[in-house]
C-alpha atoms as a PDB file:
ATOM      1  CA  UNK A   1     -40.042  -1.997 -13.977  1.00  0.00           C
ATOM      2  CA  UNK A   2     -41.681  -0.781 -10.779  1.00  0.00           C
ATOM      3  CA  UNK A   3     -39.987   1.454  -8.225  1.00  0.00           C
ATOM      4  CA  UNK A   4     -37.438  -0.539  -6.214  1.00  0.00           C
ATOM      5  CA  UNK A   5     -36.151   0.593  -2.818  1.00  0.00           C
ATOM      6  CA  UNK A   6     -32.818  -1.257  -2.602  1.00  0.00           C
ATOM      7  CA  UNK A   7     -31.967  -0.055   0.895  1.00  0.00           C
ATOM      8  CA  UNK A   8     -35.291  -1.232   2.346  1.00  0.00           C
ATOM      9  CA  UNK A   9     -35.037  -4.598   0.602  1.00  0.00           C
ATOM     10  CA  UNK A  10     -31.499  -5.108   1.918  1.00  0.00           C
ATOM     11  CA  UNK A  11     -32.482  -4.055   5.447  1.00  0.00           C
ATOM     12  CA  UNK A  12     -35.318  -6.606   5.474  1.00  0.00           C
ATOM     13  CA  UNK A  13     -32.947  -9.480   4.710  1.00  0.00           C
ATOM     14  CA  UNK A  14     -32.352 -11.676   7.743  1.00  0.00           C
ATOM     15  CA  UNK A  15     -29.259 -13.277   6.214  1.00  0.00           C
ATOM     16  CA  UNK A  16     -26.333 -11.163   5.053  1.00  0.00           C
ATOM     17  CA  UNK A  17     -24.541 -11.977   1.801  1.00  0.00           C
ATOM     18  CA  UNK A  18     -27.623 -13.731   0.383  1.00  0.00           C
ATOM     19  CA  UNK A  19     -28.689 -11.838  -2.707  1.00  0.00           C
ATOM     20  CA  UNK A  20     -32.110 -11.832  -4.274  1.00  0.00           C
ATOM     21  CA  UNK A  21     -33.060 -10.857  -7.798  1.00  0.00           C
ATOM     22  CA  UNK A  22     -35.165  -7.695  -7.789  1.00  0.00           C
ATOM     23  CA  UNK A  23     -35.414  -7.273 -11.549  1.00  0.00           C
ATOM     24  CA  UNK A  24     -34.150  -8.312 -14.941  1.00  0.00           C
ATOM     25  CA  UNK A  25     -33.428  -6.386 -18.103  1.00  0.00           C
ATOM     26  CA  UNK A  26     -32.991  -8.697 -21.089  1.00  0.00           C
ATOM     27  CA  UNK A  27     -30.520 -11.288 -19.738  1.00  0.00           C
ATOM     28  CA  UNK A  28     -29.156  -8.992 -16.993  1.00  0.00           C
ATOM     29  CA  UNK A  29     -30.051  -9.808 -13.379  1.00  0.00           C
ATOM     30  CA  UNK A  30     -30.234  -6.975 -10.851  1.00  0.00           C
ATOM     31  CA  UNK A  31     -29.771  -8.189  -7.271  1.00  0.00           C
ATOM     32  CA  UNK A  32     -29.475  -6.674  -3.811  1.00  0.00           C
ATOM     33  CA  UNK A  33     -27.908  -7.866  -0.572  1.00  0.00           C
ATOM     34  CA  UNK A  34     -26.893  -6.697   2.864  1.00  0.00           C
ATOM     35  CA  UNK A  35     -23.212  -6.725   3.819  1.00  0.00           C
ATOM     36  CA  UNK A  36     -22.437  -7.386   7.486  1.00  0.00           C
ATOM     37  CA  UNK A  37     -18.657  -6.914   7.905  1.00  0.00           C
ATOM     38  CA  UNK A  38     -17.978 -10.645   7.499  1.00  0.00           C
ATOM     39  CA  UNK A  39     -15.732 -11.864   4.677  1.00  0.00           C
ATOM     40  CA  UNK A  40     -17.088 -13.748   1.669  1.00  0.00           C
ATOM     41  CA  UNK A  41     -15.035 -16.384  -0.082  1.00  0.00           C
ATOM     42  CA  UNK A  42     -13.444 -15.970  -3.467  1.00  0.00           C
ATOM     43  CA  UNK A  43     -15.664 -16.329  -6.531  1.00  0.00           C
ATOM     44  CA  UNK A  44     -15.124 -16.520 -10.270  1.00  0.00           C
ATOM     45  CA  UNK A  45     -18.010 -16.016 -12.693  1.00  0.00           C
ATOM     46  CA  UNK A  46     -18.395 -16.653 -16.407  1.00  0.00           C
ATOM     47  CA  UNK A  47     -20.136 -13.269 -16.747  1.00  0.00           C
ATOM     48  CA  UNK A  48     -19.290  -9.676 -15.823  1.00  0.00           C
ATOM     49  CA  UNK A  49     -20.492  -8.619 -12.370  1.00  0.00           C
ATOM     50  CA  UNK A  50     -21.045  -4.984 -11.429  1.00  0.00           C
ATOM     51  CA  UNK A  51     -20.772  -4.391  -7.661  1.00  0.00           C
ATOM     52  CA  UNK A  52     -22.482  -1.078  -6.823  1.00  0.00           C
ATOM     53  CA  UNK A  53     -22.280   0.186  -3.229  1.00  0.00           C
ATOM     54  CA  UNK A  54     -25.388   2.188  -2.268  1.00  0.00           C
ATOM     55  CA  UNK A  55     -24.228   2.815   1.282  1.00  0.00           C
ATOM     56  CA  UNK A  56     -21.308   1.619   3.343  1.00  0.00           C
ATOM     57  CA  UNK A  57     -18.116   0.218   1.878  1.00  0.00           C
ATOM     58  CA  UNK A  58     -17.025  -2.915   0.000  1.00  0.00           C
ATOM     59  CA  UNK A  59     -13.487  -4.197   0.476  1.00  0.00           C
ATOM     60  CA  UNK A  60     -12.400  -6.550  -2.305  1.00  0.00           C
ATOM     61  CA  UNK A  61      -9.340  -8.676  -2.880  1.00  0.00           C
ATOM     62  CA  UNK A  62      -8.624  -9.042  -6.579  1.00  0.00           C
ATOM     63  CA  UNK A  63      -5.370 -10.936  -7.058  1.00  0.00           C
ATOM     64  CA  UNK A  64      -2.778  -9.274  -4.810  1.00  0.00           C
ATOM     65  CA  UNK A  65      -4.671  -5.965  -4.815  1.00  0.00           C
ATOM     66  CA  UNK A  66      -7.146  -4.623  -2.246  1.00  0.00           C
ATOM     67  CA  UNK A  67      -9.858  -2.473  -3.806  1.00  0.00           C
ATOM     68  CA  UNK A  68     -12.060  -0.189  -1.699  1.00  0.00           C
ATOM     69  CA  UNK A  69     -15.458   0.539  -3.253  1.00  0.00           C
ATOM     70  CA  UNK A  70     -17.185   3.430  -1.482  1.00  0.00           C
ATOM     71  CA  UNK A  71     -20.778   4.682  -1.490  1.00  0.00           C
ATOM     72  CA  UNK A  72     -21.806   5.634  -4.999  1.00  0.00           C
ATOM     73  CA  UNK A  73     -18.985   3.666  -6.633  1.00  0.00           C
ATOM     74  CA  UNK A  74     -19.097   0.439  -8.647  1.00  0.00           C
ATOM     75  CA  UNK A  75     -16.427  -2.169  -9.307  1.00  0.00           C
ATOM     76  CA  UNK A  76     -16.790  -4.230 -12.467  1.00  0.00           C
ATOM     77  CA  UNK A  77     -15.462  -7.757 -11.961  1.00  0.00           C
ATOM     78  CA  UNK A  78     -14.885  -8.991 -15.479  1.00  0.00           C
ATOM     79  CA  UNK A  79     -15.775 -12.576 -16.373  1.00  0.00           C
ATOM     80  CA  UNK A  80     -13.056 -14.960 -15.176  1.00  0.00           C
ATOM     81  CA  UNK A  81     -11.693 -12.533 -12.537  1.00  0.00           C
ATOM     82  CA  UNK A  82     -11.326 -14.074  -9.072  1.00  0.00           C
ATOM     83  CA  UNK A  83     -12.531 -11.723  -6.343  1.00  0.00           C
ATOM     84  CA  UNK A  84     -13.193 -12.076  -2.608  1.00  0.00           C
ATOM     85  CA  UNK A  85     -14.828  -9.823  -0.019  1.00  0.00           C
ATOM     86  CA  UNK A  86     -12.598  -8.837   2.880  1.00  0.00           C
ATOM     87  CA  UNK A  87     -13.722  -8.376   6.505  1.00  0.00           C
ATOM     88  CA  UNK A  88     -15.202  -4.972   7.272  1.00  0.00           C
ATOM     89  CA  UNK A  89     -17.431  -4.655   4.214  1.00  0.00           C
ATOM     90  CA  UNK A  90     -20.804  -3.268   5.288  1.00  0.00           C
ATOM     91  CA  UNK A  91     -23.927  -1.617   3.922  1.00  0.00           C
ATOM     92  CA  UNK A  92     -26.108  -2.167   0.865  1.00  0.00           C
ATOM     93  CA  UNK A  93     -24.758  -3.769  -2.301  1.00  0.00           C
ATOM     94  CA  UNK A  94     -26.476  -3.953  -5.682  1.00  0.00           C
ATOM     95  CA  UNK A  95     -25.126  -6.637  -8.009  1.00  0.00           C
ATOM     96  CA  UNK A  96     -25.621  -6.368 -11.743  1.00  0.00           C
ATOM     97  CA  UNK A  97     -24.909  -9.628 -13.606  1.00  0.00           C
ATOM     98  CA  UNK A  98     -24.196  -8.894 -17.246  1.00  0.00           C
END
């Protein structure tokens, strides 16, 4: 896999919260997106989703709980787990679909 500059790729995106696949390893997609402080509606996937914050902060609602994912941290949303992004999330997010 070539060198990938996630922060530059995210900064070039004109639309926030629209991910793009930057690489794959076996059946795992690696994606990047730009967060812009707007909320994102609840999702449920049939696969595990790693949410890795490269810079900024991701605020998640998982059930009744609010989870704060800071720079350098990753939240693993297990398959079947409903999760939503709360207002105020900002920065660069790498998504790893497993």
